[in-house]
Amino acid sequence: MHIGILKADSVLPQFQDEFGDYPEMFQWILSAAVGKNVSGIDVTFTTYDVEQGCYPASLAECDGYIITGSKKSVYDDEPWIHRLAGFVVSLYEARVKTVGICFGHQMIAHALDGKTEAASVGWCVGVHRSKMLSLPEFITPTTDGFNLVVSHKDQVTKLPTGAELLATSECCPYAMFRIGNHMLAFQGHPEFRKGYSRALMEFRRDLLGEEKIAVGISSLGLDVDAALVAAWILAFIRASE
C-alpha cells in the first residue's frame, strides 16, 4: 500500500528534534498500526508539500492520500489553500481514497459544499473522547468510542452532501464522518503524541488561557486510541469500493 501525505504545514523548528515533522508522525503511527487490525501489507509513503505547491503528477501515484493538519484555516484566502480545495474535489470525483485529519477533515467539508468556521467554543485541546454513532465495516473491533489528542479552533459546522456522521464529541459535534467508501475525516489527531500536545499548549499559553491549559494538560492522563484509529485508516484505504 502506497500512501501520499499531503503536507499542509510544518512542525515548529523547536519541536522537530523531539517529535519530527508531520509526515514522520503519520509514518510512525501508521507503520506501528500494521498488523493490529490490518495484516499482510507493506506500507510506503510519499510526501507532497502542498503548501509549497507540490502535488502528484497523477492521482494514481498512490493508493490513498492523507491531508494533514495546519495552523491555517481552510477559509483563509491563500492560493495554496484554494488549489488544495480543488484537488480534494478531483480526489472525490475520481473516488480516490482520501483521509482528512483536523485541517484535512475541515478541508474535505469545505471543498465539498459543507462548511467550516471558527468554533463557538473556541480552542479544543488535550485528549477528547468521541462517541461512535455508526460502525462501518472498517471499524474493527467494534467500539462505542475513541480517545484522540485534539488541537483546533475551527470546526466543521455543516457536513457535505452525502456525508455520514460516524462520531461526535462534547467539544466537536462533527468529530468523524465519511462520504461513501472513499472519503474519511477525523477532527482528532491520531499522529500526535501527548508530549507534542503538551508542547503546543505551553507554546499557546497566552492564546489559550490558564483555565483551558489546565484542563487540557490534565486530560493527557487519559489513554489515547491512536494506534486503533491508525488501523482504521489503513483498513479504510485498503478496502475495495
C-alpha atoms as a PDB file:
ATOM      1  CA  MET A   1       0.000   0.000   0.000  1.00  0.00           C
ATOM      2  CA  HIS A   2       1.409   3.350  -1.057  1.00  0.00           C
ATOM      3  CA  ILE A   3       0.082   6.400   0.813  1.00  0.00           C
ATOM      4  CA  GLY A   4       0.554  10.004  -0.239  1.00  0.00           C
ATOM      5  CA  ILE A   5       0.821  12.517   2.596  1.00  0.00           C
ATOM      6  CA  LEU A   6      -0.483  15.933   1.567  1.00  0.00           C
ATOM      7  CA  LYS A   7       1.564  18.111   3.912  1.00  0.00           C
ATOM      8  CA  ALA A   8      -0.282  21.333   4.737  1.00  0.00           C
ATOM      9  CA  ASP A   9       2.063  22.712   7.412  1.00  0.00           C
ATOM     10  CA  SER A  10       5.343  22.114   9.228  1.00  0.00           C
ATOM     11  CA  VAL A  11       6.041  21.412  12.886  1.00  0.00           C
ATOM     12  CA  LEU A  12       7.733  24.397  14.508  1.00  0.00           C
ATOM     13  CA  PRO A  13      11.546  24.029  14.315  1.00  0.00           C
ATOM     14  CA  GLN A  14      11.982  23.940  18.100  1.00  0.00           C
ATOM     15  CA  PHE A  15       9.803  20.803  18.310  1.00  0.00           C
ATOM     16  CA  GLN A  16      11.082  18.838  15.334  1.00  0.00           C
ATOM     17  CA  ASP A  17      14.068  17.168  17.007  1.00  0.00           C
ATOM     18  CA  GLU A  18      11.823  15.540  19.599  1.00  0.00           C
ATOM     19  CA  PHE A  19       8.622  14.948  17.636  1.00  0.00           C
ATOM     20  CA  GLY A  20       9.555  15.055  13.956  1.00  0.00           C
ATOM     21  CA  ASP A  21       7.601  16.798  11.219  1.00  0.00           C
ATOM     22  CA  TYR A  22       4.008  15.902  10.327  1.00  0.00           C
ATOM     23  CA  PRO A  23       4.836  13.312   7.644  1.00  0.00           C
ATOM     24  CA  GLU A  24       7.128  11.476  10.060  1.00  0.00           C
ATOM     25  CA  MET A  25       4.367  11.472  12.704  1.00  0.00           C
ATOM     26  CA  PHE A  26       1.973   9.798  10.258  1.00  0.00           C
ATOM     27  CA  GLN A  27       4.573   7.344   9.029  1.00  0.00           C
ATOM     28  CA  TRP A  28       5.357   6.295  12.589  1.00  0.00           C
ATOM     29  CA  ILE A  29       1.768   5.727  13.769  1.00  0.00           C
ATOM     30  CA  LEU A  30       0.585   4.071  10.545  1.00  0.00           C
ATOM     31  CA  SER A  31       3.613   1.785  10.374  1.00  0.00           C
ATOM     32  CA  ALA A  32       3.094   0.871  14.037  1.00  0.00           C
ATOM     33  CA  ALA A  33      -0.546   0.007  13.275  1.00  0.00           C
ATOM     34  CA  VAL A  34       0.297  -2.533  10.565  1.00  0.00           C
ATOM     35  CA  GLY A  35      -0.729  -5.910  11.934  1.00  0.00           C
ATOM     36  CA  LYS A  36      -3.006  -4.523  14.662  1.00  0.00           C
ATOM     37  CA  ASN A  37      -6.205  -4.773  12.653  1.00  0.00           C
ATOM     38  CA  VAL A  38      -4.697  -4.870   9.160  1.00  0.00           C
ATOM     39  CA  SER A  39      -2.296  -7.670   8.272  1.00  0.00           C
ATOM     40  CA  GLY A  40      -0.464  -8.861   5.205  1.00  0.00           C
ATOM     41  CA  ILE A  41       0.504  -5.431   3.863  1.00  0.00           C
ATOM     42  CA  ASP A  42       3.586  -3.283   3.475  1.00  0.00           C
ATOM     43  CA  VAL A  43       3.069   0.469   3.718  1.00  0.00           C
ATOM     44  CA  THR A  44       5.213   3.014   1.907  1.00  0.00           C
ATOM     45  CA  PHE A  45       4.850   6.786   1.787  1.00  0.00           C
ATOM     46  CA  THR A  46       5.441   9.801  -0.420  1.00  0.00           C
ATOM     47  CA  THR A  47       5.123  13.329   0.941  1.00  0.00           C
ATOM     48  CA  TYR A  48       3.705  16.140  -1.187  1.00  0.00           C
ATOM     49  CA  ASP A  49       4.245  19.590   0.324  1.00  0.00           C
ATOM     50  CA  VAL A  50       1.002  21.145  -0.920  1.00  0.00           C
ATOM     51  CA  GLU A  51       1.708  24.361   0.974  1.00  0.00           C
ATOM     52  CA  GLN A  52       4.656  24.767  -1.417  1.00  0.00           C
ATOM     53  CA  GLY A  53       2.676  23.639  -4.482  1.00  0.00           C
ATOM     54  CA  CYS A  54       3.942  20.056  -4.663  1.00  0.00           C
ATOM     55  CA  TYR A  55       1.349  17.552  -5.944  1.00  0.00           C
ATOM     56  CA  PRO A  56       1.363  14.089  -7.508  1.00  0.00           C
ATOM     57  CA  ALA A  57       1.621  14.080 -11.289  1.00  0.00           C
ATOM     58  CA  SER A  58      -1.284  11.631 -11.347  1.00  0.00           C
ATOM     59  CA  LEU A  59      -3.949  10.694  -8.807  1.00  0.00           C
ATOM     60  CA  ALA A  60      -2.925   7.083  -9.408  1.00  0.00           C
ATOM     61  CA  GLU A  61       0.549   7.637  -7.916  1.00  0.00           C
ATOM     62  CA  CYS A  62      -0.804   6.472  -4.536  1.00  0.00           C
ATOM     63  CA  ASP A  63      -3.435   4.061  -3.260  1.00  0.00           C
ATOM     64  CA  GLY A  64      -4.754   6.769  -0.989  1.00  0.00           C
ATOM     65  CA  TYR A  65      -3.961  10.198   0.390  1.00  0.00           C
ATOM     66  CA  ILE A  66      -3.899  11.754   3.861  1.00  0.00           C
ATOM     67  CA  ILE A  67      -4.346  15.505   4.303  1.00  0.00           C
ATOM     68  CA  THR A  68      -2.500  16.729   7.398  1.00  0.00           C
ATOM     69  CA  GLY A  69      -3.368  19.373   9.922  1.00  0.00           C
ATOM     70  CA  SER A  70      -2.322  23.006   9.554  1.00  0.00           C
ATOM     71  CA  LYS A  71      -2.176  26.202  11.583  1.00  0.00           C
ATOM     72  CA  LYS A  72      -4.060  27.839   8.714  1.00  0.00           C
ATOM     73  CA  SER A  73      -7.839  27.864   8.277  1.00  0.00           C
ATOM     74  CA  VAL A  74      -9.455  26.282   5.229  1.00  0.00           C
ATOM     75  CA  TYR A  75     -11.334  29.536   4.605  1.00  0.00           C
ATOM     76  CA  ASP A  76      -8.130  31.630   4.508  1.00  0.00           C
ATOM     77  CA  ASP A  77      -7.768  33.400   1.169  1.00  0.00           C
ATOM     78  CA  GLU A  78      -4.436  31.907   0.108  1.00  0.00           C
ATOM     79  CA  PRO A  79      -3.639  30.442  -3.327  1.00  0.00           C
ATOM     80  CA  TRP A  80      -2.291  27.141  -1.998  1.00  0.00           C
ATOM     81  CA  ILE A  81      -5.465  26.588   0.059  1.00  0.00           C
ATOM     82  CA  HIS A  82      -7.681  27.249  -2.966  1.00  0.00           C
ATOM     83  CA  ARG A  83      -5.588  24.824  -5.018  1.00  0.00           C
ATOM     84  CA  LEU A  84      -5.834  22.143  -2.329  1.00  0.00           C
ATOM     85  CA  ALA A  85      -9.616  22.547  -2.248  1.00  0.00           C
ATOM     86  CA  GLY A  86      -9.714  21.935  -5.989  1.00  0.00           C
ATOM     87  CA  PHE A  87      -7.508  18.872  -5.593  1.00  0.00           C
ATOM     88  CA  VAL A  88      -9.885  17.465  -2.968  1.00  0.00           C
ATOM     89  CA  VAL A  89     -12.725  17.843  -5.463  1.00  0.00           C
ATOM     90  CA  SER A  90     -10.650  15.901  -8.011  1.00  0.00           C
ATOM     91  CA  LEU A  91      -9.986  13.133  -5.469  1.00  0.00           C
ATOM     92  CA  TYR A  92     -13.683  12.997  -4.635  1.00  0.00           C
ATOM     93  CA  GLU A  93     -14.801  12.836  -8.260  1.00  0.00           C
ATOM     94  CA  ALA A  94     -12.249  10.117  -9.045  1.00  0.00           C
ATOM     95  CA  ARG A  95     -13.260   8.167  -5.920  1.00  0.00           C
ATOM     96  CA  VAL A  96      -9.669   8.044  -4.686  1.00  0.00           C
ATOM     97  CA  LYS A  97      -9.295   7.019  -1.045  1.00  0.00           C
ATOM     98  CA  THR A  98      -8.726  10.205   0.945  1.00  0.00           C
ATOM     99  CA  VAL A  99      -8.390  10.730   4.702  1.00  0.00           C
ATOM    100  CA  GLY A 100      -8.504  14.186   6.276  1.00  0.00           C
ATOM    101  CA  ILE A 101      -7.071  14.956   9.716  1.00  0.00           C
ATOM    102  CA  CYS A 102      -8.028  18.202  11.541  1.00  0.00           C
ATOM    103  CA  PHE A 103      -7.389  20.831   8.821  1.00  0.00           C
ATOM    104  CA  GLY A 104      -7.746  17.981   6.327  1.00  0.00           C
ATOM    105  CA  HIS A 105     -11.076  16.975   7.883  1.00  0.00           C
ATOM    106  CA  GLN A 106     -12.251  20.572   7.623  1.00  0.00           C
ATOM    107  CA  MET A 107     -10.932  20.867   4.059  1.00  0.00           C
ATOM    108  CA  ILE A 108     -12.960  17.879   2.859  1.00  0.00           C
ATOM    109  CA  ALA A 109     -16.117  19.517   4.205  1.00  0.00           C
ATOM    110  CA  HIS A 110     -15.144  22.957   2.891  1.00  0.00           C
ATOM    111  CA  ALA A 111     -14.295  21.740  -0.619  1.00  0.00           C
ATOM    112  CA  LEU A 112     -17.396  19.563  -0.971  1.00  0.00           C
ATOM    113  CA  ASP A 113     -20.207  22.027  -0.121  1.00  0.00           C
ATOM    114  CA  GLY A 114     -20.042  21.634   3.652  1.00  0.00           C
ATOM    115  CA  LYS A 115     -18.925  24.421   5.961  1.00  0.00           C
ATOM    116  CA  THR A 116     -16.020  25.080   8.319  1.00  0.00           C
ATOM    117  CA  GLU A 117     -15.797  28.105  10.595  1.00  0.00           C
ATOM    118  CA  ALA A 118     -14.330  29.302  13.884  1.00  0.00           C
ATOM    119  CA  ALA A 119     -15.885  27.232  16.681  1.00  0.00           C
ATOM    120  CA  SER A 120     -18.164  28.978  19.140  1.00  0.00           C
ATOM    121  CA  VAL A 121     -16.470  27.018  21.965  1.00  0.00           C
ATOM    122  CA  GLY A 122     -13.062  28.368  20.998  1.00  0.00           C
ATOM    123  CA  TRP A 123      -9.978  26.184  21.149  1.00  0.00           C
ATOM    124  CA  CYS A 124     -10.298  22.468  21.893  1.00  0.00           C
ATOM    125  CA  VAL A 125      -7.070  20.949  23.244  1.00  0.00           C
ATOM    126  CA  GLY A 126      -5.837  17.865  25.060  1.00  0.00           C
ATOM    127  CA  VAL A 127      -7.395  14.408  24.882  1.00  0.00           C
ATOM    128  CA  HIS A 128     -11.080  14.246  23.961  1.00  0.00           C
ATOM    129  CA  ARG A 129     -13.431  11.283  23.672  1.00  0.00           C
ATOM    130  CA  SER A 130     -15.653  10.813  20.642  1.00  0.00           C
ATOM    131  CA  LYS A 131     -18.770   8.648  20.720  1.00  0.00           C
ATOM    132  CA  MET A 132     -19.406   6.334  17.785  1.00  0.00           C
ATOM    133  CA  LEU A 133     -22.759   6.812  16.067  1.00  0.00           C
ATOM    134  CA  SER A 134     -22.223   4.292  13.282  1.00  0.00           C
ATOM    135  CA  LEU A 135     -19.901   1.325  12.813  1.00  0.00           C
ATOM    136  CA  PRO A 136     -18.840   0.865   9.199  1.00  0.00           C
ATOM    137  CA  GLU A 137     -17.078  -2.336   8.184  1.00  0.00           C
ATOM    138  CA  PHE A 138     -13.538  -0.966   8.655  1.00  0.00           C
ATOM    139  CA  ILE A 139     -14.164  -0.296  12.374  1.00  0.00           C
ATOM    140  CA  THR A 140     -12.869  -3.489  13.949  1.00  0.00           C
ATOM    141  CA  PRO A 141     -13.126  -4.453  16.693  1.00  0.00           C
ATOM    142  CA  THR A 142     -16.389  -2.632  17.294  1.00  0.00           C
ATOM    143  CA  THR A 143     -16.252   0.092  19.922  1.00  0.00           C
ATOM    144  CA  ASP A 144     -18.554   2.690  21.440  1.00  0.00           C
ATOM    145  CA  GLY A 145     -15.961   5.462  21.180  1.00  0.00           C
ATOM    146  CA  PHE A 146     -12.322   6.508  20.984  1.00  0.00           C
ATOM    147  CA  ASN A 147      -9.903   8.996  22.552  1.00  0.00           C
ATOM    148  CA  LEU A 148      -7.620  11.213  20.487  1.00  0.00           C
ATOM    149  CA  VAL A 149      -5.487  14.296  21.021  1.00  0.00           C
ATOM    150  CA  VAL A 150      -7.177  17.384  19.583  1.00  0.00           C
ATOM    151  CA  SER A 151      -5.871  20.865  18.839  1.00  0.00           C
ATOM    152  CA  HIS A 152      -8.183  23.135  16.856  1.00  0.00           C
ATOM    153  CA  LYS A 153     -10.076  26.419  16.907  1.00  0.00           C
ATOM    154  CA  ASP A 154     -12.108  25.731  13.735  1.00  0.00           C
ATOM    155  CA  GLN A 155     -14.776  23.085  13.254  1.00  0.00           C
ATOM    156  CA  VAL A 156     -16.974  21.619  10.570  1.00  0.00           C
ATOM    157  CA  THR A 157     -20.419  23.130  11.139  1.00  0.00           C
ATOM    158  CA  LYS A 158     -22.164  21.634   8.104  1.00  0.00           C
ATOM    159  CA  LEU A 159     -21.454  18.226   6.599  1.00  0.00           C
ATOM    160  CA  PRO A 160     -21.058  17.959   2.835  1.00  0.00           C
ATOM    161  CA  THR A 161     -23.819  16.407   0.762  1.00  0.00           C
ATOM    162  CA  GLY A 162     -23.895  12.638   1.125  1.00  0.00           C
ATOM    163  CA  ALA A 163     -21.719  12.561   4.243  1.00  0.00           C
ATOM    164  CA  GLU A 164     -22.447  10.105   7.045  1.00  0.00           C
ATOM    165  CA  LEU A 165     -21.655  11.260  10.583  1.00  0.00           C
ATOM    166  CA  LEU A 166     -19.709   8.485  12.305  1.00  0.00           C
ATOM    167  CA  ALA A 167     -18.713  10.035  15.645  1.00  0.00           C
ATOM    168  CA  THR A 168     -19.401  13.075  17.803  1.00  0.00           C
ATOM    169  CA  SER A 169     -17.826  14.640  20.885  1.00  0.00           C
ATOM    170  CA  GLU A 170     -18.823  17.160  23.519  1.00  0.00           C
ATOM    171  CA  CYS A 171     -16.438  19.706  22.032  1.00  0.00           C
ATOM    172  CA  CYS A 172     -16.965  18.848  18.365  1.00  0.00           C
ATOM    173  CA  PRO A 173     -20.358  17.618  17.082  1.00  0.00           C
ATOM    174  CA  TYR A 174     -18.921  16.515  13.718  1.00  0.00           C
ATOM    175  CA  ALA A 175     -15.880  14.646  15.007  1.00  0.00           C
ATOM    176  CA  MET A 176     -15.703  11.967  12.292  1.00  0.00           C
ATOM    177  CA  PHE A 177     -17.517  11.457   9.007  1.00  0.00           C
ATOM    178  CA  ARG A 178     -17.239   9.649   5.722  1.00  0.00           C
ATOM    179  CA  ILE A 179     -18.536  10.096   2.212  1.00  0.00           C
ATOM    180  CA  GLY A 180     -19.186   6.765   0.558  1.00  0.00           C
ATOM    181  CA  ASN A 181     -16.206   4.452   0.780  1.00  0.00           C
ATOM    182  CA  HIS A 182     -13.627   6.922  -0.489  1.00  0.00           C
ATOM    183  CA  MET A 183     -13.544   9.954   1.850  1.00  0.00           C
ATOM    184  CA  LEU A 184     -12.926   9.695   5.611  1.00  0.00           C
ATOM    185  CA  ALA A 185     -12.365  12.575   8.028  1.00  0.00           C
ATOM    186  CA  PHE A 186     -11.304  12.902  11.693  1.00  0.00           C
ATOM    187  CA  GLN A 187     -11.129  16.121  13.684  1.00  0.00           C
ATOM    188  CA  GLY A 188      -8.719  14.498  16.160  1.00  0.00           C
ATOM    189  CA  HIS A 189      -5.027  13.722  15.637  1.00  0.00           C
ATOM    190  CA  PRO A 190      -4.009  10.043  15.747  1.00  0.00           C
ATOM    191  CA  GLU A 191      -0.492  11.134  14.783  1.00  0.00           C
ATOM    192  CA  PHE A 192       0.015  13.468  17.787  1.00  0.00           C
ATOM    193  CA  ARG A 193       1.832  12.191  20.848  1.00  0.00           C
ATOM    194  CA  LYS A 194       0.839  13.513  24.252  1.00  0.00           C
ATOM    195  CA  GLY A 195       4.183  15.250  24.640  1.00  0.00           C
ATOM    196  CA  TYR A 196       3.593  17.208  21.459  1.00  0.00           C
ATOM    197  CA  SER A 197       0.110  18.162  22.655  1.00  0.00           C
ATOM    198  CA  ARG A 198       1.593  19.489  25.886  1.00  0.00           C
ATOM    199  CA  ALA A 199       4.303  21.396  23.996  1.00  0.00           C
ATOM    200  CA  LEU A 200       1.703  23.056  21.760  1.00  0.00           C
ATOM    201  CA  MET A 201      -0.444  24.025  24.728  1.00  0.00           C
ATOM    202  CA  GLU A 202       2.532  25.564  26.526  1.00  0.00           C
ATOM    203  CA  PHE A 203       3.524  27.415  23.340  1.00  0.00           C
ATOM    204  CA  ARG A 204      -0.016  28.826  23.055  1.00  0.00           C
ATOM    205  CA  ARG A 205      -0.431  29.613  26.754  1.00  0.00           C
ATOM    206  CA  ASP A 206      -1.251  33.287  26.218  1.00  0.00           C
ATOM    207  CA  LEU A 207      -3.719  32.399  23.471  1.00  0.00           C
ATOM    208  CA  LEU A 208      -5.475  29.573  25.335  1.00  0.00           C
ATOM    209  CA  GLY A 209      -5.603  30.980  28.845  1.00  0.00           C
ATOM    210  CA  GLU A 210      -4.712  29.278  32.118  1.00  0.00           C
ATOM    211  CA  GLU A 211      -8.049  27.512  32.637  1.00  0.00           C
ATOM    212  CA  LYS A 212      -8.074  25.816  29.239  1.00  0.00           C
ATOM    213  CA  ILE A 213      -4.391  24.921  29.606  1.00  0.00           C
ATOM    214  CA  ALA A 214      -5.027  23.300  33.000  1.00  0.00           C
ATOM    215  CA  VAL A 215      -7.955  21.219  31.724  1.00  0.00           C
ATOM    216  CA  GLY A 216      -6.047  20.239  28.584  1.00  0.00           C
ATOM    217  CA  ILE A 217      -2.921  19.141  30.432  1.00  0.00           C
ATOM    218  CA  SER A 218      -4.992  17.205  32.971  1.00  0.00           C
ATOM    219  CA  SER A 219      -6.671  15.314  30.109  1.00  0.00           C
ATOM    220  CA  LEU A 220      -3.296  13.976  28.980  1.00  0.00           C
ATOM    221  CA  GLY A 221      -3.624  11.403  31.762  1.00  0.00           C
ATOM    222  CA  LEU A 222      -6.262   9.633  29.674  1.00  0.00           C
ATOM    223  CA  ASP A 223      -5.376   6.767  27.367  1.00  0.00           C
ATOM    224  CA  VAL A 224      -5.437   7.509  23.636  1.00  0.00           C
ATOM    225  CA  ASP A 225      -6.565   5.200  20.832  1.00  0.00           C
ATOM    226  CA  ALA A 226      -4.117   6.459  18.220  1.00  0.00           C
ATOM    227  CA  ALA A 227      -2.952   3.025  17.066  1.00  0.00           C
ATOM    228  CA  LEU A 228      -6.530   1.793  16.788  1.00  0.00           C
ATOM    229  CA  VAL A 229      -7.597   4.795  14.697  1.00  0.00           C
ATOM    230  CA  ALA A 230      -4.481   4.404  12.538  1.00  0.00           C
ATOM    231  CA  ALA A 231      -5.511   0.797  11.893  1.00  0.00           C
ATOM    232  CA  TRP A 232      -8.964   2.012  10.841  1.00  0.00           C
ATOM    233  CA  ILE A 233      -7.321   4.397   8.382  1.00  0.00           C
ATOM    234  CA  LEU A 234      -5.262   1.592   6.849  1.00  0.00           C
ATOM    235  CA  ALA A 235      -8.301  -0.676   6.643  1.00  0.00           C
ATOM    236  CA  PHE A 236     -10.318   2.112   5.022  1.00  0.00           C
ATOM    237  CA  ILE A 237      -7.676   2.794   2.375  1.00  0.00           C
ATOM    238  CA  ARG A 238      -7.161  -0.910   1.735  1.00  0.00           C
ATOM    239  CA  ALA A 239     -10.853  -1.798   1.391  1.00  0.00           C
ATOM    240  CA  SER A 240     -12.308  -2.112  -2.077  1.00  0.00           C
ATOM    241  CA  GLU A 241     -15.194   0.104  -3.100  1.00  0.00           C
END
